[in-house]
Amino acid sequence: MNETMYRHLLADRHPLISYKLSEVRNIQEGDHAGTLMLTVLGTSRAAGKDHDVEHTVQLTRTDGGFITVSGEIDLKMSDFNIDPPEFMRGALVTSDEIQIAFNFTLFGK
């Protein structure tokens, strides 16, 4: 199944899926102390095609002074002109919808 997905993503010509933040549109305090909710605009790139997406990012300050960044981006394969793969001659069809979840921690010296 991985080989089929790599083919659909044109991985031989475009091996990376990327995201680039371009704008912070709104900043609000979150439900908990030390938490901010950001509405951001960014560009996702897959299979050689760019797609602009607006989504929410949560920033949380930890006890150690680090900042955790988390969120989810809802996309569709068709946003990148990718047909959802089929397997076993159409007996198994994947969904067009995909969700990319991220969670990482920023820290300094």
Protein backbone atom coordinates (compact mmCIF):
# COMPACT_ATOMS: atom_id res chain seq x y z
CA MET A 1 0.00 0.00 0.00
CA ASN A 2 2.87 2.39 0.69
CA GLU A 3 4.15 2.02 -2.88
CA THR A 4 0.72 2.92 -4.24
CA MET A 5 0.53 6.00 -2.04
CA TYR A 6 4.06 7.08 -3.02
CA ARG A 7 3.02 6.79 -6.68
CA HIS A 8 -0.07 8.94 -6.09
CA LEU A 9 2.00 11.54 -4.22
CA LEU A 10 4.50 11.65 -7.10
CA ALA A 11 7.19 10.97 -4.50
CA ASP A 12 9.84 10.20 -7.11
CA ARG A 13 9.65 13.84 -8.34
CA HIS A 14 8.45 15.52 -5.12
CA PRO A 15 9.80 13.53 -2.15
CA LEU A 16 8.85 16.06 0.55
CA ILE A 17 5.55 17.21 1.99
CA SER A 18 6.01 20.63 3.54
CA TYR A 19 4.23 23.46 5.32
CA LYS A 20 5.21 27.13 5.50
CA LEU A 21 3.58 29.57 7.91
CA SER A 22 2.83 32.86 6.17
CA GLU A 23 0.61 34.88 8.49
CA VAL A 24 -0.76 34.99 12.04
CA ARG A 25 -4.28 36.34 11.69
CA ASN A 26 -5.54 36.26 15.27
CA ILE A 27 -4.18 35.66 18.77
CA GLN A 28 -6.43 34.84 21.74
CA GLU A 29 -5.81 33.65 25.26
CA GLY A 30 -6.57 29.97 25.64
CA ASP A 31 -8.75 28.25 28.23
CA HIS A 32 -5.76 27.66 30.54
CA ALA A 33 -3.12 30.03 31.93
CA GLY A 34 -0.03 30.16 29.72
CA THR A 35 -1.95 29.08 26.61
CA LEU A 36 -2.50 31.07 23.42
CA MET A 37 -4.66 30.13 20.45
CA LEU A 38 -3.46 31.44 17.09
CA THR A 39 -5.38 31.48 13.84
CA VAL A 40 -2.76 31.17 11.13
CA LEU A 41 -2.48 30.99 7.37
CA GLY A 42 0.08 28.75 5.76
CA THR A 43 0.87 26.89 2.59
CA SER A 44 1.01 23.10 2.43
CA ARG A 45 2.90 21.53 -0.46
CA ALA A 46 2.51 17.96 -1.69
CA ALA A 47 2.96 16.29 -5.08
CA GLY A 48 4.38 19.56 -6.41
CA LYS A 49 1.18 21.54 -5.70
CA ASP A 50 0.66 24.29 -3.11
CA HIS A 51 -2.54 24.72 -1.12
CA ASP A 52 -3.24 27.61 1.26
CA VAL A 53 -4.88 26.61 4.53
CA GLU A 54 -6.14 28.51 7.58
CA HIS A 55 -6.06 26.62 10.86
CA THR A 56 -5.63 26.97 14.62
CA VAL A 57 -2.37 26.51 16.51
CA GLN A 58 -2.14 26.20 20.28
CA LEU A 59 0.93 27.53 22.11
CA THR A 60 1.44 26.36 25.69
CA ARG A 61 4.20 27.52 28.03
CA THR A 62 5.54 24.63 30.13
CA ASP A 63 6.90 24.78 33.68
CA GLY A 64 10.46 24.68 32.35
CA GLY A 65 9.89 27.76 30.19
CA PHE A 66 9.57 25.79 26.97
CA ILE A 67 6.74 26.36 24.49
CA THR A 68 4.73 23.47 23.08
CA VAL A 69 3.16 24.05 19.66
CA SER A 70 0.28 21.79 18.61
CA GLY A 71 -2.60 21.63 16.19
CA GLU A 72 -4.24 19.84 13.28
CA ILE A 73 -4.57 20.66 9.61
CA ASP A 74 -7.51 19.20 7.69
CA LEU A 75 -6.78 18.71 3.99
CA LYS A 76 -8.04 16.72 1.05
CA MET A 77 -5.88 14.80 -1.39
CA SER A 78 -7.86 16.49 -4.16
CA ASP A 79 -6.49 19.86 -2.87
CA PHE A 80 -3.21 18.68 -4.40
CA ASN A 81 -4.75 17.10 -7.53
CA ILE A 82 -4.20 13.63 -6.04
CA ASP A 83 -6.80 10.95 -6.70
CA PRO A 84 -7.41 8.89 -3.55
CA PRO A 85 -5.73 5.52 -4.10
CA GLU A 86 -7.69 2.33 -4.70
CA PHE A 87 -6.46 -1.15 -3.88
CA MET A 88 -7.43 -4.63 -5.06
CA ARG A 89 -9.13 -3.23 -8.18
CA GLY A 90 -11.34 -0.85 -6.24
CA ALA A 91 -12.37 -3.25 -3.46
CA LEU A 92 -10.62 -0.93 -1.00
CA VAL A 93 -10.85 2.83 -1.59
CA THR A 94 -9.18 5.44 0.59
CA SER A 95 -10.87 8.64 1.71
CA ASP A 96 -10.10 12.00 0.13
CA GLU A 97 -9.83 13.61 3.59
CA ILE A 98 -6.55 13.60 5.48
CA GLN A 99 -5.58 15.17 8.78
CA ILE A 100 -2.08 16.19 9.74
CA ALA A 101 -1.54 16.51 13.49
CA PHE A 102 1.57 18.16 14.90
CA ASN A 103 3.04 18.62 18.35
CA PHE A 104 6.55 19.89 19.02
CA THR A 105 8.43 21.81 21.71
CA LEU A 106 10.51 24.94 21.25
CA PHE A 107 13.37 25.61 23.62
CA GLY A 108 16.37 27.89 23.77
CA LYS A 109 19.70 27.99 25.52
